[in-house]
PDB file of N, CA and C in Angstrom:
ATOM      1  N   UNK A   1    -117.148 -71.903  44.282  1.00  0.00           N
ATOM      2  CA  UNK A   1    -118.554 -72.900  44.238  1.00  0.00           C
ATOM      3  C   UNK A   1    -117.715 -73.921  43.763  1.00  0.00           C
ATOM      4  N   UNK A   2    -117.888 -75.361  44.126  1.00  0.00           N
ATOM      5  CA  UNK A   2    -117.298 -76.047  43.817  1.00  0.00           C
ATOM      6  C   UNK A   2    -118.325 -77.359  42.278  1.00  0.00           C
ATOM      7  N   UNK A   3    -119.288 -76.529  41.721  1.00  0.00           N
ATOM      8  CA  UNK A   3    -120.250 -77.389  40.695  1.00  0.00           C
ATOM      9  C   UNK A   3    -121.421 -77.118  41.601  1.00  0.00           C
ATOM     10  N   UNK A   4    -121.760 -77.029  42.737  1.00  0.00           N
ATOM     11  CA  UNK A   4    -123.161 -76.782  43.444  1.00  0.00           C
ATOM     12  C   UNK A   4    -124.556 -76.207  44.089  1.00  0.00           C
ATOM     13  N   UNK A   5    -125.023 -76.280  43.352  1.00  0.00           N
ATOM     14  CA  UNK A   5    -125.875 -75.053  43.479  1.00  0.00           C
ATOM     15  C   UNK A   5    -126.225 -74.745  45.601  1.00  0.00           C
ATOM     16  N   UNK A   6    -125.918 -75.958  45.585  1.00  0.00           N
ATOM     17  CA  UNK A   6    -126.364 -76.076  47.625  1.00  0.00           C
ATOM     18  C   UNK A   6    -125.412 -75.653  47.908  1.00  0.00           C
ATOM     19  N   UNK A   7    -124.091 -75.347  47.272  1.00  0.00           N
ATOM     20  CA  UNK A   7    -123.003 -76.444  48.396  1.00  0.00           C
ATOM     21  C   UNK A   7    -123.023 -74.052  49.286  1.00  0.00           C
ATOM     22  N   UNK A   8    -121.430 -73.599  50.175  1.00  0.00           N
ATOM     23  CA  UNK A   8    -121.699 -72.954  50.850  1.00  0.00           C
ATOM     24  C   UNK A   8    -122.668 -72.112  51.386  1.00  0.00           C
ATOM     25  N   UNK A   9    -122.658 -71.052  51.673  1.00  0.00           N
ATOM     26  CA  UNK A   9    -123.106 -70.719  52.702  1.00  0.00           C
ATOM     27  C   UNK A   9    -124.322 -70.017  52.081  1.00  0.00           C
ATOM     28  N   UNK A  10    -125.391 -69.635  53.183  1.00  0.00           N
ATOM     29  CA  UNK A  10    -127.070 -69.329  52.574  1.00  0.00           C
ATOM     30  C   UNK A  10    -126.761 -66.938  52.443  1.00  0.00           C
ATOM     31  N   UNK A  11    -127.051 -67.267  51.741  1.00  0.00           N
ATOM     32  CA  UNK A  11    -127.568 -65.549  51.426  1.00  0.00           C
ATOM     33  C   UNK A  11    -127.644 -64.923  52.334  1.00  0.00           C
ATOM     34  N   UNK A  12    -127.553 -64.089  53.380  1.00  0.00           N
ATOM     35  CA  UNK A  12    -128.312 -63.371  54.085  1.00  0.00           C
ATOM     36  C   UNK A  12    -129.191 -63.004  54.042  1.00  0.00           C
ATOM     37  N   UNK A  13    -130.094 -62.638  52.369  1.00  0.00           N
ATOM     38  CA  UNK A  13    -131.577 -62.539  52.048  1.00  0.00           C
ATOM     39  C   UNK A  13    -132.513 -63.756  52.955  1.00  0.00           C
ATOM     40  N   UNK A  14    -132.174 -65.001  52.282  1.00  0.00           N
ATOM     41  CA  UNK A  14    -132.807 -65.797  52.579  1.00  0.00           C
ATOM     42  C   UNK A  14    -132.594 -66.086  54.052  1.00  0.00           C
ATOM     43  N   UNK A  15    -132.401 -65.717  54.770  1.00  0.00           N
ATOM     44  CA  UNK A  15    -131.948 -65.978  56.470  1.00  0.00           C
ATOM     45  C   UNK A  15    -133.148 -65.156  57.043  1.00  0.00           C
ATOM     46  N   UNK A  16    -133.421 -64.509  55.704  1.00  0.00           N
ATOM     47  CA  UNK A  16    -134.466 -63.575  56.832  1.00  0.00           C
ATOM     48  C   UNK A  16    -135.521 -63.522  56.171  1.00  0.00           C
ATOM     49  N   UNK A  17    -135.850 -63.763  55.089  1.00  0.00           N
ATOM     50  CA  UNK A  17    -136.318 -64.403  54.763  1.00  0.00           C
ATOM     51  C   UNK A  17    -137.188 -65.254  55.589  1.00  0.00           C
ATOM     52  N   UNK A  18    -136.785 -66.639  55.760  1.00  0.00           N
ATOM     53  CA  UNK A  18    -137.275 -67.253  56.269  1.00  0.00           C
ATOM     54  C   UNK A  18    -137.226 -66.770  57.508  1.00  0.00           C
ATOM     55  N   UNK A  19    -136.860 -65.727  58.604  1.00  0.00           N
ATOM     56  CA  UNK A  19    -137.171 -65.576  59.898  1.00  0.00           C
ATOM     57  C   UNK A  19    -138.706 -64.972  59.277  1.00  0.00           C
ATOM     58  N   UNK A  20    -138.687 -64.198  58.259  1.00  0.00           N
ATOM     59  CA  UNK A  20    -140.186 -63.381  58.387  1.00  0.00           C
ATOM     60  C   UNK A  20    -140.926 -63.706  58.591  1.00  0.00           C
ATOM     61  N   UNK A  21    -141.428 -65.634  57.371  1.00  0.00           N
ATOM     62  CA  UNK A  21    -141.941 -66.430  57.528  1.00  0.00           C
ATOM     63  C   UNK A  21    -142.465 -66.854  58.742  1.00  0.00           C
ATOM     64  N   UNK A  22    -140.996 -67.653  59.718  1.00  0.00           N
ATOM     65  CA  UNK A  22    -141.104 -68.123  60.658  1.00  0.00           C
ATOM     66  C   UNK A  22    -141.943 -67.070  62.105  1.00  0.00           C
ATOM     67  N   UNK A  23    -142.388 -65.446  62.552  1.00  0.00           N
ATOM     68  CA  UNK A  23    -142.569 -64.839  62.646  1.00  0.00           C
ATOM     69  C   UNK A  23    -143.619 -65.244  63.452  1.00  0.00           C
ATOM     70  N   UNK A  24    -145.278 -65.421  62.191  1.00  0.00           N
ATOM     71  CA  UNK A  24    -146.331 -65.491  63.504  1.00  0.00           C
ATOM     72  C   UNK A  24    -146.321 -66.814  63.765  1.00  0.00           C
ATOM     73  N   UNK A  25    -145.745 -67.526  64.060  1.00  0.00           N
ATOM     74  CA  UNK A  25    -145.583 -69.132  64.079  1.00  0.00           C
ATOM     75  C   UNK A  25    -144.729 -68.302  66.047  1.00  0.00           C
ATOM     76  N   UNK A  26    -144.538 -67.623  66.247  1.00  0.00           N
ATOM     77  CA  UNK A  26    -143.968 -67.161  67.753  1.00  0.00           C
ATOM     78  C   UNK A  26    -144.815 -67.882  68.902  1.00  0.00           C
ATOM     79  N   UNK A  27    -145.777 -66.876  69.657  1.00  0.00           N
ATOM     80  CA  UNK A  27    -146.333 -67.663  69.846  1.00  0.00           C
ATOM     81  C   UNK A  27    -146.544 -68.744  69.567  1.00  0.00           C
ATOM     82  N   UNK A  28    -146.779 -69.996  68.783  1.00  0.00           N
ATOM     83  CA  UNK A  28    -147.112 -71.099  68.980  1.00  0.00           C
ATOM     84  C   UNK A  28    -146.638 -72.043  69.583  1.00  0.00           C
ATOM     85  N   UNK A  29    -145.086 -71.089  69.264  1.00  0.00           N
ATOM     86  CA  UNK A  29    -143.689 -72.430  69.280  1.00  0.00           C
ATOM     87  C   UNK A  29    -143.388 -72.401  71.022  1.00  0.00           C
ATOM     88  N   UNK A  30    -143.932 -71.355  71.217  1.00  0.00           N
ATOM     89  CA  UNK A  30    -143.083 -70.533  72.762  1.00  0.00           C
ATOM     90  C   UNK A  30    -144.942 -71.840  74.091  1.00  0.00           C
ATOM     91  N   UNK A  31    -145.922 -72.379  73.106  1.00  0.00           N
ATOM     92  CA  UNK A  31    -146.979 -72.969  73.939  1.00  0.00           C
ATOM     93  C   UNK A  31    -146.778 -73.863  74.321  1.00  0.00           C
ATOM     94  N   UNK A  32    -145.837 -74.459  72.527  1.00  0.00           N
ATOM     95  CA  UNK A  32    -145.683 -76.009  72.768  1.00  0.00           C
ATOM     96  C   UNK A  32    -144.810 -76.209  73.552  1.00  0.00           C
ATOM     97  N   UNK A  33    -143.656 -74.982  73.429  1.00  0.00           N
ATOM     98  CA  UNK A  33    -142.251 -75.249  74.315  1.00  0.00           C
ATOM     99  C   UNK A  33    -143.037 -75.815  75.988  1.00  0.00           C
ATOM    100  N   UNK A  34    -143.173 -74.746  76.138  1.00  0.00           N
ATOM    101  CA  UNK A  34    -144.195 -74.815  77.452  1.00  0.00           C
ATOM    102  C   UNK A  34    -144.493 -75.547  77.833  1.00  0.00           C
ATOM    103  N   UNK A  35    -146.179 -75.924  77.345  1.00  0.00           N
ATOM    104  CA  UNK A  35    -146.605 -77.704  76.926  1.00  0.00           C
ATOM    105  C   UNK A  35    -144.915 -78.532  77.223  1.00  0.00           C
ATOM    106  N   UNK A  36    -144.707 -79.151  76.591  1.00  0.00           N
ATOM    107  CA  UNK A  36    -143.616 -79.600  77.078  1.00  0.00           C
ATOM    108  C   UNK A  36    -142.737 -79.813  77.371  1.00  0.00           C
ATOM    109  N   UNK A  37    -142.145 -78.317  78.324  1.00  0.00           N
ATOM    110  CA  UNK A  37    -142.132 -78.832  79.755  1.00  0.00           C
ATOM    111  C   UNK A  37    -142.586 -78.952  80.731  1.00  0.00           C
ATOM    112  N   UNK A  38    -144.102 -78.285  80.616  1.00  0.00           N
ATOM    113  CA  UNK A  38    -144.948 -79.267  81.829  1.00  0.00           C
ATOM    114  C   UNK A  38    -145.181 -80.284  81.850  1.00  0.00           C
ATOM    115  N   UNK A  39    -145.028 -80.408  80.839  1.00  0.00           N
ATOM    116  CA  UNK A  39    -144.899 -81.827  80.946  1.00  0.00           C
ATOM    117  C   UNK A  39    -144.181 -83.131  81.505  1.00  0.00           C
ATOM    118  N   UNK A  40    -142.968 -81.996  81.719  1.00  0.00           N
ATOM    119  CA  UNK A  40    -142.045 -82.503  82.284  1.00  0.00           C
ATOM    120  C   UNK A  40    -140.525 -83.126  81.212  1.00  0.00           C
ATOM    121  N   UNK A  41    -141.696 -83.542  79.204  1.00  0.00           N
ATOM    122  CA  UNK A  41    -140.591 -83.959  78.155  1.00  0.00           C
ATOM    123  C   UNK A  41    -138.475 -83.446  78.522  1.00  0.00           C
ATOM    124  N   UNK A  42    -137.640 -83.885  78.923  1.00  0.00           N
ATOM    125  CA  UNK A  42    -136.244 -83.579  78.374  1.00  0.00           C
ATOM    126  C   UNK A  42    -136.630 -83.063  77.919  1.00  0.00           C
ATOM    127  N   UNK A  43    -136.779 -83.149  76.431  1.00  0.00           N
ATOM    128  CA  UNK A  43    -135.891 -82.588  74.489  1.00  0.00           C
ATOM    129  C   UNK A  43    -136.303 -81.954  75.192  1.00  0.00           C
ATOM    130  N   UNK A  44    -137.366 -81.021  75.860  1.00  0.00           N
ATOM    131  CA  UNK A  44    -137.740 -79.579  76.042  1.00  0.00           C
ATOM    132  C   UNK A  44    -137.353 -78.502  76.311  1.00  0.00           C
ATOM    133  N   UNK A  45    -137.245 -79.577  77.886  1.00  0.00           N
ATOM    134  CA  UNK A  45    -135.694 -78.218  78.810  1.00  0.00           C
ATOM    135  C   UNK A  45    -134.823 -78.364  78.276  1.00  0.00           C
ATOM    136  N   UNK A  46    -134.450 -79.681  77.862  1.00  0.00           N
ATOM    137  CA  UNK A  46    -133.031 -79.998  77.334  1.00  0.00           C
ATOM    138  C   UNK A  46    -132.539 -78.296  76.436  1.00  0.00           C
ATOM    139  N   UNK A  47    -133.650 -77.944  75.102  1.00  0.00           N
ATOM    140  CA  UNK A  47    -134.158 -77.347  74.181  1.00  0.00           C
ATOM    141  C   UNK A  47    -133.971 -75.423  75.208  1.00  0.00           C
ATOM    142  N   UNK A  48    -134.943 -76.036  75.759  1.00  0.00           N
ATOM    143  CA  UNK A  48    -134.610 -73.933  76.711  1.00  0.00           C
ATOM    144  C   UNK A  48    -133.371 -73.633  77.083  1.00  0.00           C
ATOM    145  N   UNK A  49    -132.599 -74.696  77.980  1.00  0.00           N
ATOM    146  CA  UNK A  49    -131.919 -74.638  78.906  1.00  0.00           C
ATOM    147  C   UNK A  49    -130.772 -74.498  78.033  1.00  0.00           C
ATOM    148  N   UNK A  50    -130.192 -75.183  76.789  1.00  0.00           N
ATOM    149  CA  UNK A  50    -129.787 -74.723  75.658  1.00  0.00           C
ATOM    150  C   UNK A  50    -130.175 -73.455  74.880  1.00  0.00           C
ATOM    151  N   UNK A  51    -131.362 -72.779  74.816  1.00  0.00           N
ATOM    152  CA  UNK A  51    -131.560 -71.393  74.085  1.00  0.00           C
ATOM    153  C   UNK A  51    -130.961 -70.323  74.740  1.00  0.00           C
ATOM    154  N   UNK A  52    -131.911 -70.382  76.641  1.00  0.00           N
ATOM    155  CA  UNK A  52    -131.891 -69.964  76.982  1.00  0.00           C
ATOM    156  C   UNK A  52    -130.020 -69.363  77.725  1.00  0.00           C
ATOM    157  N   UNK A  53    -129.576 -70.581  78.070  1.00  0.00           N
ATOM    158  CA  UNK A  53    -128.427 -69.753  78.569  1.00  0.00           C
ATOM    159  C   UNK A  53    -126.983 -71.301  77.858  1.00  0.00           C
ATOM    160  N   UNK A  54    -127.269 -70.768  77.538  1.00  0.00           N
ATOM    161  CA  UNK A  54    -126.100 -71.287  75.591  1.00  0.00           C
ATOM    162  C   UNK A  54    -125.366 -73.212  76.100  1.00  0.00           C
ATOM    163  N   UNK A  55    -124.743 -74.282  75.741  1.00  0.00           N
ATOM    164  CA  UNK A  55    -124.254 -75.297  75.690  1.00  0.00           C
ATOM    165  C   UNK A  55    -123.619 -74.916  77.025  1.00  0.00           C
ATOM    166  N   UNK A  56    -123.275 -76.515  76.788  1.00  0.00           N
ATOM    167  CA  UNK A  56    -121.860 -76.988  78.672  1.00  0.00           C
ATOM    168  C   UNK A  56    -120.851 -76.765  78.190  1.00  0.00           C
ATOM    169  N   UNK A  57    -120.031 -75.639  78.506  1.00  0.00           N
ATOM    170  CA  UNK A  57    -118.973 -75.563  78.245  1.00  0.00           C
ATOM    171  C   UNK A  57    -118.515 -77.480  78.090  1.00  0.00           C
ATOM    172  N   UNK A  58    -117.669 -77.542  76.838  1.00  0.00           N
ATOM    173  CA  UNK A  58    -116.873 -78.325  76.709  1.00  0.00           C
ATOM    174  C   UNK A  58    -115.316 -78.683  77.552  1.00  0.00           C
ATOM    175  N   UNK A  59    -114.562 -79.600  78.355  1.00  0.00           N
ATOM    176  CA  UNK A  59    -113.729 -79.682  78.414  1.00  0.00           C
ATOM    177  C   UNK A  59    -113.390 -80.870  78.294  1.00  0.00           C
ATOM    178  N   UNK A  60    -111.654 -81.279  77.882  1.00  0.00           N
ATOM    179  CA  UNK A  60    -111.387 -82.113  76.932  1.00  0.00           C
ATOM    180  C   UNK A  60    -109.447 -82.439  77.857  1.00  0.00           C
ATOM    181  N   UNK A  61    -109.554 -83.350  78.295  1.00  0.00           N
ATOM    182  CA  UNK A  61    -108.585 -83.607  78.958  1.00  0.00           C
ATOM    183  C   UNK A  61    -106.880 -84.914  77.955  1.00  0.00           C
ATOM    184  N   UNK A  62    -105.833 -83.732  78.370  1.00  0.00           N
ATOM    185  CA  UNK A  62    -105.100 -84.235  76.746  1.00  0.00           C
ATOM    186  C   UNK A  62    -104.113 -84.892  77.371  1.00  0.00           C
ATOM    187  N   UNK A  63    -103.092 -85.476  77.887  1.00  0.00           N
ATOM    188  CA  UNK A  63    -102.435 -86.746  78.005  1.00  0.00           C
ATOM    189  C   UNK A  63    -101.395 -87.120  77.262  1.00  0.00           C
ATOM    190  N   UNK A  64     -99.998 -85.822  76.748  1.00  0.00           N
ATOM    191  CA  UNK A  64     -99.177 -86.315  76.466  1.00  0.00           C
ATOM    192  C   UNK A  64     -98.001 -87.874  77.273  1.00  0.00           C
ATOM    193  N   UNK A  65     -97.649 -88.662  76.533  1.00  0.00           N
ATOM    194  CA  UNK A  65     -96.547 -89.140  76.736  1.00  0.00           C
ATOM    195  C   UNK A  65     -95.062 -89.762  75.442  1.00  0.00           C
ATOM    196  N   UNK A  66     -94.363 -89.681  75.763  1.00  0.00           N
ATOM    197  CA  UNK A  66     -93.660 -89.200  75.042  1.00  0.00           C
ATOM    198  C   UNK A  66     -92.441 -90.842  75.620  1.00  0.00           C
ATOM    199  N   UNK A  67     -93.465 -92.064  74.571  1.00  0.00           N
ATOM    200  CA  UNK A  67     -92.297 -92.905  74.913  1.00  0.00           C
ATOM    201  C   UNK A  67     -91.580 -93.256  73.979  1.00  0.00           C
ATOM    202  N   UNK A  68     -90.900 -93.114  73.387  1.00  0.00           N
ATOM    203  CA  UNK A  68     -90.439 -93.017  72.209  1.00  0.00           C
ATOM    204  C   UNK A  68     -88.299 -92.448  72.471  1.00  0.00           C
ATOM    205  N   UNK A  69     -87.198 -93.638  72.067  1.00  0.00           N
ATOM    206  CA  UNK A  69     -86.233 -94.223  73.387  1.00  0.00           C
ATOM    207  C   UNK A  69     -84.925 -93.105  71.843  1.00  0.00           C
ATOM    208  N   UNK A  70     -84.546 -92.014  72.398  1.00  0.00           N
ATOM    209  CA  UNK A  70     -83.227 -91.510  70.625  1.00  0.00           C
ATOM    210  C   UNK A  70     -82.601 -92.829  69.966  1.00  0.00           C
ATOM    211  N   UNK A  71     -82.130 -93.573  69.345  1.00  0.00           N
ATOM    212  CA  UNK A  71     -81.597 -93.983  69.193  1.00  0.00           C
ATOM    213  C   UNK A  71     -79.982 -93.864  68.949  1.00  0.00           C
ATOM    214  N   UNK A  72     -79.727 -92.821  69.373  1.00  0.00           N
ATOM    215  CA  UNK A  72     -77.863 -93.020  69.378  1.00  0.00           C
ATOM    216  C   UNK A  72     -78.066 -91.293  70.731  1.00  0.00           C
ATOM    217  N   UNK A  73     -76.725 -92.679  72.079  1.00  0.00           N
ATOM    218  CA  UNK A  73     -76.815 -90.720  73.247  1.00  0.00           C
ATOM    219  C   UNK A  73     -75.240 -89.744  72.611  1.00  0.00           C
ATOM    220  N   UNK A  74     -76.175 -89.019  72.945  1.00  0.00           N
ATOM    221  CA  UNK A  74     -75.573 -88.151  71.772  1.00  0.00           C
ATOM    222  C   UNK A  74     -74.412 -87.180  73.478  1.00  0.00           C
ATOM    223  N   UNK A  75     -73.328 -86.826  73.271  1.00  0.00           N
ATOM    224  CA  UNK A  75     -72.720 -86.234  73.804  1.00  0.00           C
ATOM    225  C   UNK A  75     -72.213 -84.844  74.466  1.00  0.00           C
ATOM    226  N   UNK A  76     -72.708 -84.008  74.427  1.00  0.00           N
ATOM    227  CA  UNK A  76     -72.373 -82.392  73.367  1.00  0.00           C
ATOM    228  C   UNK A  76     -71.732 -82.067  73.545  1.00  0.00           C
ATOM    229  N   UNK A  77     -70.386 -82.513  75.032  1.00  0.00           N
ATOM    230  CA  UNK A  77     -69.203 -81.910  76.178  1.00  0.00           C
ATOM    231  C   UNK A  77     -68.250 -81.223  74.958  1.00  0.00           C
ATOM    232  N   UNK A  78     -66.873 -81.016  75.188  1.00  0.00           N
ATOM    233  CA  UNK A  78     -66.180 -80.552  73.837  1.00  0.00           C
ATOM    234  C   UNK A  78     -64.913 -81.446  74.184  1.00  0.00           C
ATOM    235  N   UNK A  79     -63.837 -82.045  73.402  1.00  0.00           N
ATOM    236  CA  UNK A  79     -63.327 -83.057  73.871  1.00  0.00           C
ATOM    237  C   UNK A  79     -62.074 -81.980  74.072  1.00  0.00           C
ATOM    238  N   UNK A  80     -61.240 -83.087  74.459  1.00  0.00           N
ATOM    239  CA  UNK A  80     -60.250 -82.291  76.081  1.00  0.00           C
ATOM    240  C   UNK A  80     -58.763 -82.351  74.860  1.00  0.00           C
ATOM    241  N   UNK A  81     -57.942 -81.930  74.646  1.00  0.00           N
ATOM    242  CA  UNK A  81     -56.730 -82.202  73.687  1.00  0.00           C
ATOM    243  C   UNK A  81     -55.687 -81.998  74.010  1.00  0.00           C
TER     244      UNK A  81
END
């Protein structure tokens, strides 16, 4: 650790404790999510699809251009004797 008590990954026991504390709110959370989806609020719809189907796959296009020219022209042939 770097001296900061809040640095690093949380302990598994802390995650389990938080999940246990939030458990009773599951029904309320789903109800509010349904209300937001029924209202047509895009944030709720996006949240639902993100957790139901996962985030969309990211596609990145990479273009490499080599515009460097050599300083010297090298001839790899053997000289004639």
